[in-house]
Amino acid sequence: MPASTRSTLRRGLAALAALPLLALAATACGYGSQAKDDTANVAAKGAKIDGLDTVKIGYFGNLTHATALVGNQKGFVQKELGGTQAEYATFNAGPSEIEALNSKSIDIGWIGPSPAINGYTKSNGKNLRIIGGSASGGVKLVVDPDKIKTLDDVKGKKIATPQLGNTQDVAFLNWIAEKGWTVDAESGKGDVSVVRTDNKITPDAYKSGSIDGAWVPEPTASKLVAEGGKVLLDESTLWPERKFVITNIIVSQSFLEEHPKVVEAVLRGSVKTNAWISANPDQAKAAANAQLKADTGKPLPAEVLDPAWKSIQMTDDPLASTLSTEAEHAVKAGLLKKPDLSGIYDLRLLNKVLAAEGKSTVDDAGLGVEQAK
């Protein structure tokens, strides 16, 4: 494979996330675009942590980043930061958020697994750490029920994924391989036509008939269902206990070393946000949608929001073992060289927060900084 092609594939992997996430939130959306900067909905009040004026936090305007959406909208993170002001920036793509982290435009971010893996490996393990979990699930194969009635019917059809090498693209390619079918990862041609399509465009592509279905994250999946599509497969059914990482929390290594108390406060706010979401699901759904409206200018309609919200599980656990598996799938598909992920996690502050809240601590699957030393 030419070096230029490998480089393109690695850039695609970084993008992620649903991509939409990728665009990731988009991914879903377009490379490098940053949607908006703003401050928290609750004013900074009290003493500044470590004398720090601000902490810059990134996330995507996407339901799979609901912890960040709700934490911003309800002010849970800001309350933990006291007089240190949380400044939020929303992104449309994984690579742009990683670039922002590398340039110190943000300090902490909610992001999908593929850009985290790609960012870590490209920096030789020197730019970021995954410090917490945020969400699991929310990815589905939605198809035209007139054209596809069974999983075997997917063969020969045109199925969209958000982007070459993003998390959903890798998952779909792995599923295809496990079915015994073959597809060229780079071109998307083979027993199934894999059509890389921006999540913003996918619903229109489905309506026009240019694709027969899509392996996509929420809320794109529910948007397709609203257009008459049928959920043929929920990716969570392919994972042990139906759990797999879709969103993590990352921090720049330099910020973590210089301001651990600020990082701990953000994690405490995240844990409290997830607890509130669990205890108040309807209010949390409304809060997430309100923040989506503030960030993107448009809330999700109920017929999309309600089913999408139900399929995403908030979690403090980064589900480290599933990150390793996702990386293995990318290697198997030929989209990534076997990465050295040792040291990608530092869950010590998260586990400190969880213990203080009376919750069970979480595991780094042997990929933590302590094991890497």
Protein backbone atom coordinates (compact mmCIF):
# COMPACT_ATOMS: atom_id res chain seq x y z
CA MET A 1 0.00 0.00 0.00
CA PRO A 2 1.50 3.42 -0.96
CA ALA A 3 2.54 5.69 1.87
CA SER A 4 0.07 8.34 0.73
CA THR A 5 -2.75 5.84 0.93
CA ARG A 6 -1.71 4.72 4.42
CA SER A 7 -1.61 8.34 5.50
CA THR A 8 -5.09 8.94 4.11
CA LEU A 9 -6.42 5.89 5.89
CA ARG A 10 -4.91 6.95 9.19
CA ARG A 11 -6.46 10.40 8.81
CA GLY A 12 -9.77 8.73 8.13
CA LEU A 13 -9.47 6.58 11.23
CA ALA A 14 -8.77 9.58 13.34
CA ALA A 15 -11.82 11.18 12.18
CA LEU A 16 -14.19 8.97 13.83
CA ALA A 17 -16.88 8.90 15.26
CA ALA A 18 -19.55 8.85 14.26
CA LEU A 19 -17.71 10.12 13.32
CA PRO A 20 -20.15 11.53 13.18
CA LEU A 21 -19.35 10.92 15.73
CA LEU A 22 -17.05 12.04 13.30
CA ALA A 23 -18.08 13.92 12.36
CA LEU A 24 -17.70 12.26 14.58
CA ALA A 25 -20.28 14.43 14.95
CA ALA A 26 -20.66 15.09 13.04
CA THR A 27 -18.25 13.37 12.77
CA ALA A 28 -20.49 13.89 11.72
CA CYS A 29 -19.73 16.77 9.95
CA GLY A 30 -16.83 18.14 8.17
CA TYR A 31 -13.20 18.02 8.80
CA GLY A 32 -11.67 20.69 10.89
CA SER A 33 -14.73 22.77 11.56
CA GLN A 34 -15.27 24.20 14.98
CA ALA A 35 -18.84 25.19 15.58
CA LYS A 36 -18.87 27.45 18.57
CA ASP A 37 -17.11 28.76 21.62
CA ASP A 38 -18.95 29.76 24.77
CA THR A 39 -18.74 29.74 28.53
CA ALA A 40 -20.67 27.55 30.91
CA ASN A 41 -24.33 28.20 31.65
CA VAL A 42 -23.49 28.61 35.33
CA ALA A 43 -21.17 31.47 36.28
CA ALA A 44 -17.84 30.76 37.90
CA LYS A 45 -18.06 31.47 41.61
CA GLY A 46 -15.69 30.97 44.51
CA ALA A 47 -12.00 30.21 44.69
CA LYS A 48 -10.08 29.36 41.55
CA ILE A 49 -8.53 25.91 41.54
CA ASP A 50 -4.74 26.23 41.52
CA GLY A 51 -5.33 29.90 40.70
CA LEU A 52 -6.33 28.88 37.15
CA ASP A 53 -8.64 31.35 35.39
CA THR A 54 -10.12 29.01 32.79
CA VAL A 55 -10.19 25.41 31.60
CA LYS A 56 -11.02 24.88 27.94
CA ILE A 57 -13.31 21.92 27.24
CA GLY A 58 -14.27 20.44 23.86
CA TYR A 59 -17.10 18.17 22.77
CA PHE A 60 -19.32 17.45 19.76
CA GLY A 61 -22.87 18.68 19.32
CA ASN A 62 -24.09 15.10 19.27
CA LEU A 63 -26.23 12.98 21.61
CA THR A 64 -23.40 10.51 22.16
CA HIS A 65 -21.71 13.40 23.99
CA ALA A 66 -24.70 13.83 26.27
CA THR A 67 -22.58 13.96 29.42
CA ALA A 68 -20.88 17.10 28.12
CA LEU A 69 -24.14 18.53 26.77
CA VAL A 70 -25.99 18.09 30.06
CA GLY A 71 -22.97 18.97 32.18
CA ASN A 72 -22.74 22.27 30.32
CA GLN A 73 -26.46 23.01 30.21
CA LYS A 74 -27.07 22.25 33.89
CA GLY A 75 -23.75 23.61 35.10
CA PHE A 76 -22.62 20.47 36.93
CA VAL A 77 -19.03 20.77 35.72
CA GLN A 78 -18.82 24.50 36.44
CA LYS A 79 -20.09 23.99 39.98
CA GLU A 80 -17.16 21.66 40.66
CA LEU A 81 -14.70 24.14 39.17
CA GLY A 82 -15.69 26.97 41.50
CA GLY A 83 -14.03 30.19 40.38
CA THR A 84 -12.17 28.55 37.49
CA GLN A 85 -14.28 29.27 34.41
CA ALA A 86 -15.20 26.42 32.06
CA GLU A 87 -14.97 27.58 28.45
CA TYR A 88 -16.60 25.20 25.98
CA ALA A 89 -15.88 24.67 22.30
CA THR A 90 -17.96 22.40 20.06
CA PHE A 91 -16.41 20.45 17.21
CA ASN A 92 -17.66 18.68 14.13
CA ALA A 93 -14.75 16.30 13.68
CA GLY A 94 -12.36 14.20 15.70
CA PRO A 95 -9.19 15.40 13.94
CA SER A 96 -10.01 19.06 14.60
CA GLU A 97 -10.49 18.35 18.30
CA ILE A 98 -7.19 16.47 18.48
CA GLU A 99 -5.51 19.39 16.68
CA ALA A 100 -7.06 21.76 19.22
CA LEU A 101 -5.76 19.62 22.08
CA ASN A 102 -2.28 19.51 20.56
CA SER A 103 -2.24 23.29 20.07
CA LYS A 104 -3.58 23.86 23.61
CA SER A 105 -6.75 25.48 22.26
CA ILE A 106 -8.55 23.02 24.52
CA ASP A 107 -7.33 21.20 27.63
CA ILE A 108 -9.92 18.44 28.02
CA GLY A 109 -12.33 16.90 25.53
CA TRP A 110 -15.11 14.42 25.00
CA ILE A 111 -14.24 12.37 21.92
CA GLY A 112 -14.71 8.98 20.27
CA PRO A 113 -12.26 6.07 20.45
CA SER A 114 -10.77 6.21 16.95
CA PRO A 115 -9.47 9.79 17.08
CA ALA A 116 -8.16 9.12 20.58
CA ILE A 117 -6.28 6.05 19.36
CA ASN A 118 -5.02 7.83 16.26
CA GLY A 119 -3.97 10.95 18.16
CA TYR A 120 -2.14 8.92 20.78
CA THR A 121 -0.26 6.72 18.31
CA LYS A 122 0.67 9.58 15.96
CA SER A 123 2.27 11.43 18.89
CA ASN A 124 4.10 8.28 20.01
CA GLY A 125 2.05 8.32 23.19
CA LYS A 126 3.03 11.84 24.23
CA ASN A 127 -0.02 14.07 23.67
CA LEU A 128 -3.06 12.74 25.52
CA ARG A 129 -4.49 10.37 28.10
CA ILE A 130 -7.96 8.89 28.29
CA ILE A 131 -9.13 9.78 31.79
CA GLY A 132 -12.75 8.65 31.84
CA GLY A 133 -15.69 7.16 30.06
CA SER A 134 -18.85 8.86 28.90
CA ALA A 135 -21.09 6.79 26.63
CA SER A 136 -21.72 3.34 25.20
CA GLY A 137 -23.93 2.19 22.36
CA GLY A 138 -26.06 4.26 20.04
CA VAL A 139 -24.92 2.66 16.75
CA LYS A 140 -27.25 0.79 14.40
CA LEU A 141 -27.54 -0.73 10.96
CA VAL A 142 -30.68 0.85 9.48
CA VAL A 143 -31.92 -0.37 6.08
CA ASP A 144 -34.61 0.09 3.48
CA PRO A 145 -37.08 -2.68 4.43
CA ASP A 146 -38.25 -3.00 0.83
CA LYS A 147 -34.75 -3.93 -0.31
CA ILE A 148 -33.26 -5.64 2.73
CA LYS A 149 -35.25 -7.97 4.95
CA THR A 150 -32.53 -10.14 6.52
CA LEU A 151 -28.85 -9.70 7.41
CA ASP A 152 -27.88 -11.91 4.47
CA ASP A 153 -29.69 -9.49 2.16
CA VAL A 154 -27.05 -6.85 2.94
CA LYS A 155 -24.73 -8.60 0.46
CA GLY A 156 -24.74 -6.75 -2.84
CA LYS A 157 -26.28 -3.60 -1.37
CA LYS A 158 -25.01 -0.04 -0.87
CA ILE A 159 -24.48 0.72 2.81
CA ALA A 160 -23.24 4.06 4.12
CA THR A 161 -20.77 4.64 6.92
CA PRO A 162 -19.73 8.11 8.14
CA GLN A 163 -16.15 8.11 6.88
CA LEU A 164 -13.29 5.91 5.78
CA GLY A 165 -11.67 4.49 8.90
CA ASN A 166 -14.05 6.00 11.42
CA THR A 167 -15.39 3.90 14.29
CA GLN A 168 -18.57 2.84 12.50
CA ASP A 169 -16.70 2.16 9.26
CA VAL A 170 -14.29 -0.14 11.07
CA ALA A 171 -17.14 -1.90 12.88
CA PHE A 172 -19.04 -2.49 9.62
CA LEU A 173 -15.94 -3.77 7.81
CA ASN A 174 -15.31 -6.19 10.68
CA TRP A 175 -18.93 -7.38 10.59
CA ILE A 176 -18.65 -7.94 6.83
CA ALA A 177 -15.49 -10.00 7.32
CA GLU A 178 -17.16 -12.10 9.99
CA LYS A 179 -19.97 -12.82 7.53
CA GLY A 180 -17.33 -14.30 5.23
CA TRP A 181 -17.69 -11.53 2.64
CA THR A 182 -14.87 -9.44 1.22
CA VAL A 183 -14.61 -5.70 0.68
CA ASP A 184 -11.60 -3.59 -0.25
CA ALA A 185 -11.31 -1.28 2.75
CA GLU A 186 -9.91 1.65 0.81
CA SER A 187 -12.36 1.73 -2.10
CA GLY A 188 -15.34 0.21 -0.28
CA LYS A 189 -15.96 -2.10 -3.25
CA GLY A 190 -16.71 -5.79 -2.89
CA ASP A 191 -19.51 -8.08 -1.77
CA VAL A 192 -21.05 -5.00 -0.14
CA SER A 193 -20.62 -1.46 -1.46
CA VAL A 194 -19.47 0.63 1.51
CA VAL A 195 -20.37 4.23 0.72
CA ARG A 196 -18.62 6.77 2.94
CA THR A 197 -21.15 9.53 3.50
CA ASP A 198 -21.19 12.50 5.86
CA ASN A 199 -23.88 11.97 8.49
CA LYS A 200 -25.47 15.28 7.53
CA ILE A 201 -26.05 13.92 4.03
CA THR A 202 -26.99 10.32 4.87
CA PRO A 203 -30.75 10.91 5.43
CA ASP A 204 -31.08 12.63 2.04
CA ALA A 205 -29.00 9.91 0.38
CA TYR A 206 -31.37 7.35 1.88
CA LYS A 207 -34.47 9.22 0.71
CA SER A 208 -33.08 9.50 -2.84
CA GLY A 209 -32.34 5.77 -2.97
CA SER A 210 -28.61 6.25 -3.56
CA ILE A 211 -27.92 4.06 -0.52
CA ASP A 212 -29.85 1.05 0.76
CA GLY A 213 -28.99 1.53 4.40
CA ALA A 214 -26.36 2.82 6.81
CA TRP A 215 -24.25 1.71 9.79
CA VAL A 216 -24.41 4.93 11.78
CA PRO A 217 -24.57 6.46 15.26
CA GLU A 218 -27.42 8.30 16.84
CA PRO A 219 -29.17 10.49 16.06
CA THR A 220 -28.55 9.68 12.37
CA ALA A 221 -29.91 6.16 12.86
CA SER A 222 -33.21 7.46 14.26
CA LYS A 223 -33.41 10.06 11.49
CA LEU A 224 -33.33 7.20 8.97
CA VAL A 225 -36.01 5.33 10.89
CA ALA A 226 -38.14 8.49 10.76
CA GLU A 227 -37.76 8.31 6.97
CA GLY A 228 -39.11 4.76 6.88
CA GLY A 229 -35.95 2.80 7.57
CA LYS A 230 -35.82 -0.32 9.74
CA VAL A 231 -33.23 -1.17 12.40
CA LEU A 232 -31.77 -4.46 11.19
CA LEU A 233 -28.97 -4.67 13.75
CA ASP A 234 -28.01 -2.83 16.92
CA GLU A 235 -24.21 -2.94 17.25
CA SER A 236 -24.50 -3.37 21.00
CA THR A 237 -25.72 -6.94 20.41
CA LEU A 238 -22.27 -7.79 19.03
CA TRP A 239 -20.46 -6.87 22.24
CA PRO A 240 -20.20 -8.60 25.63
CA GLU A 241 -22.88 -7.29 27.97
CA ARG A 242 -23.98 -5.06 25.03
CA LYS A 243 -21.37 -2.46 25.99
CA PHE A 244 -18.73 -0.76 23.84
CA VAL A 245 -17.09 2.63 24.01
CA ILE A 246 -18.47 5.38 21.81
CA THR A 247 -17.29 8.43 23.78
CA ASN A 248 -14.38 8.93 26.19
CA ILE A 249 -12.84 11.89 28.00
CA ILE A 250 -9.30 12.88 27.09
CA VAL A 251 -6.85 15.44 28.49
CA SER A 252 -3.54 16.77 27.27
CA GLN A 253 -0.70 15.20 29.22
CA SER A 254 0.83 18.57 30.00
CA PHE A 255 -2.42 19.93 31.44
CA LEU A 256 -2.91 16.78 33.50
CA GLU A 257 0.58 17.13 34.96
CA GLU A 258 0.23 20.87 35.65
CA HIS A 259 -3.37 21.00 36.89
CA PRO A 260 -4.48 17.63 38.30
CA LYS A 261 -6.94 19.28 40.71
CA VAL A 262 -8.74 20.96 37.81
CA VAL A 263 -8.89 17.66 35.92
CA GLU A 264 -10.26 15.98 39.04
CA ALA A 265 -12.95 18.67 39.33
CA VAL A 266 -14.03 18.16 35.72
CA LEU A 267 -14.19 14.40 36.28
CA ARG A 268 -16.22 14.92 39.43
CA GLY A 269 -18.61 17.07 37.43
CA SER A 270 -18.85 14.36 34.76
CA VAL A 271 -19.58 11.64 37.32
CA LYS A 272 -22.26 13.80 38.97
CA THR A 273 -23.74 14.62 35.57
CA ASN A 274 -24.03 10.93 34.67
CA ALA A 275 -25.64 10.20 38.04
CA TRP A 276 -28.19 12.97 37.45
CA ILE A 277 -28.89 11.70 33.92
CA SER A 278 -29.53 8.23 35.32
CA ALA A 279 -31.87 9.54 38.02
CA ASN A 280 -33.68 12.04 35.76
CA PRO A 281 -33.74 10.60 32.23
CA ASP A 282 -36.55 12.76 30.85
CA GLN A 283 -35.15 15.97 32.27
CA ALA A 284 -31.70 14.99 31.07
CA LYS A 285 -32.99 14.32 27.56
CA ALA A 286 -34.58 17.77 27.50
CA ALA A 287 -31.39 19.38 28.83
CA ALA A 288 -29.26 17.66 26.19
CA ASN A 289 -31.63 18.81 23.44
CA ALA A 290 -31.63 22.36 24.82
CA GLN A 291 -27.84 22.43 24.66
CA LEU A 292 -27.91 20.97 21.15
CA LYS A 293 -30.16 23.85 20.15
CA ALA A 294 -27.76 26.32 21.76
CA ASP A 295 -24.75 24.74 20.05
CA THR A 296 -26.17 23.96 16.61
CA GLY A 297 -29.17 26.26 16.35
CA LYS A 298 -31.60 23.36 15.94
CA PRO A 299 -33.03 20.89 18.47
CA LEU A 300 -33.91 17.33 17.53
CA PRO A 301 -37.60 16.55 16.91
CA ALA A 302 -39.24 14.14 19.35
CA GLU A 303 -39.52 11.34 16.78
CA VAL A 304 -35.73 11.36 16.48
CA LEU A 305 -34.71 12.39 20.00
CA ASP A 306 -36.77 9.81 21.92
CA PRO A 307 -35.52 6.59 20.26
CA ALA A 308 -31.98 7.92 19.94
CA TRP A 309 -31.80 8.77 23.63
CA LYS A 310 -32.97 5.31 24.66
CA SER A 311 -30.17 3.58 22.76
CA ILE A 312 -27.28 5.46 24.39
CA GLN A 313 -26.01 4.50 27.83
CA MET A 314 -24.04 7.00 29.89
CA THR A 315 -21.10 5.45 31.74
CA ASP A 316 -18.16 6.59 33.83
CA ASP A 317 -16.33 3.43 32.79
CA PRO A 318 -14.19 3.96 29.66
CA LEU A 319 -14.72 0.29 28.77
CA ALA A 320 -11.01 -0.07 28.08
CA SER A 321 -11.15 -3.64 26.83
CA THR A 322 -13.48 -2.61 24.02
CA LEU A 323 -11.06 0.13 22.92
CA SER A 324 -8.42 -2.54 22.41
CA THR A 325 -10.88 -4.61 20.41
CA GLU A 326 -11.83 -1.67 18.22
CA ALA A 327 -8.14 -1.07 17.49
CA GLU A 328 -7.73 -4.76 16.60
CA HIS A 329 -10.64 -4.48 14.16
CA ALA A 330 -8.96 -1.50 12.46
CA VAL A 331 -5.71 -3.44 12.15
CA LYS A 332 -7.59 -6.44 10.75
CA ALA A 333 -9.26 -4.24 8.15
CA GLY A 334 -5.87 -2.86 7.09
CA LEU A 335 -6.67 0.66 8.24
CA LEU A 336 -4.16 0.86 11.07
CA LYS A 337 -0.77 -0.54 11.93
CA LYS A 338 -0.82 -2.50 15.17
CA PRO A 339 -0.71 0.30 17.76
CA ASP A 340 1.08 0.41 21.09
CA LEU A 341 -1.68 1.63 23.40
CA SER A 342 0.21 1.11 26.64
CA GLY A 343 -0.19 4.22 28.78
CA ILE A 344 -3.15 5.61 26.86
CA TYR A 345 -5.25 5.50 30.07
CA ASP A 346 -4.75 7.31 33.35
CA LEU A 347 -7.78 6.48 35.47
CA ARG A 348 -6.29 7.32 38.86
CA LEU A 349 -8.19 10.59 39.30
CA LEU A 350 -11.43 9.05 38.02
CA ASN A 351 -11.13 6.17 40.47
CA LYS A 352 -10.43 8.64 43.26
CA VAL A 353 -13.64 10.48 42.38
CA LEU A 354 -15.66 7.27 42.05
CA ALA A 355 -14.45 6.00 45.41
CA ALA A 356 -15.36 9.30 47.07
CA GLU A 357 -18.85 9.02 45.56
CA GLY A 358 -19.24 5.46 46.86
CA LYS A 359 -19.08 3.96 43.37
CA SER A 360 -17.09 1.04 42.03
CA THR A 361 -13.73 1.85 40.49
CA VAL A 362 -12.98 0.99 36.84
CA ASP A 363 -10.27 -0.92 35.01
CA ASP A 364 -7.81 0.17 32.32
CA ALA A 365 -7.40 -3.31 30.78
CA GLY A 366 -3.65 -3.18 31.38
CA LEU A 367 -3.24 -0.03 29.26
CA GLY A 368 -2.72 2.42 32.10
CA VAL A 369 0.24 4.68 32.79
CA GLU A 370 1.27 2.57 35.77
CA GLN A 371 1.63 -0.56 33.64
CA ALA A 372 3.48 1.41 30.96
CA LYS A 373 6.25 2.48 33.34
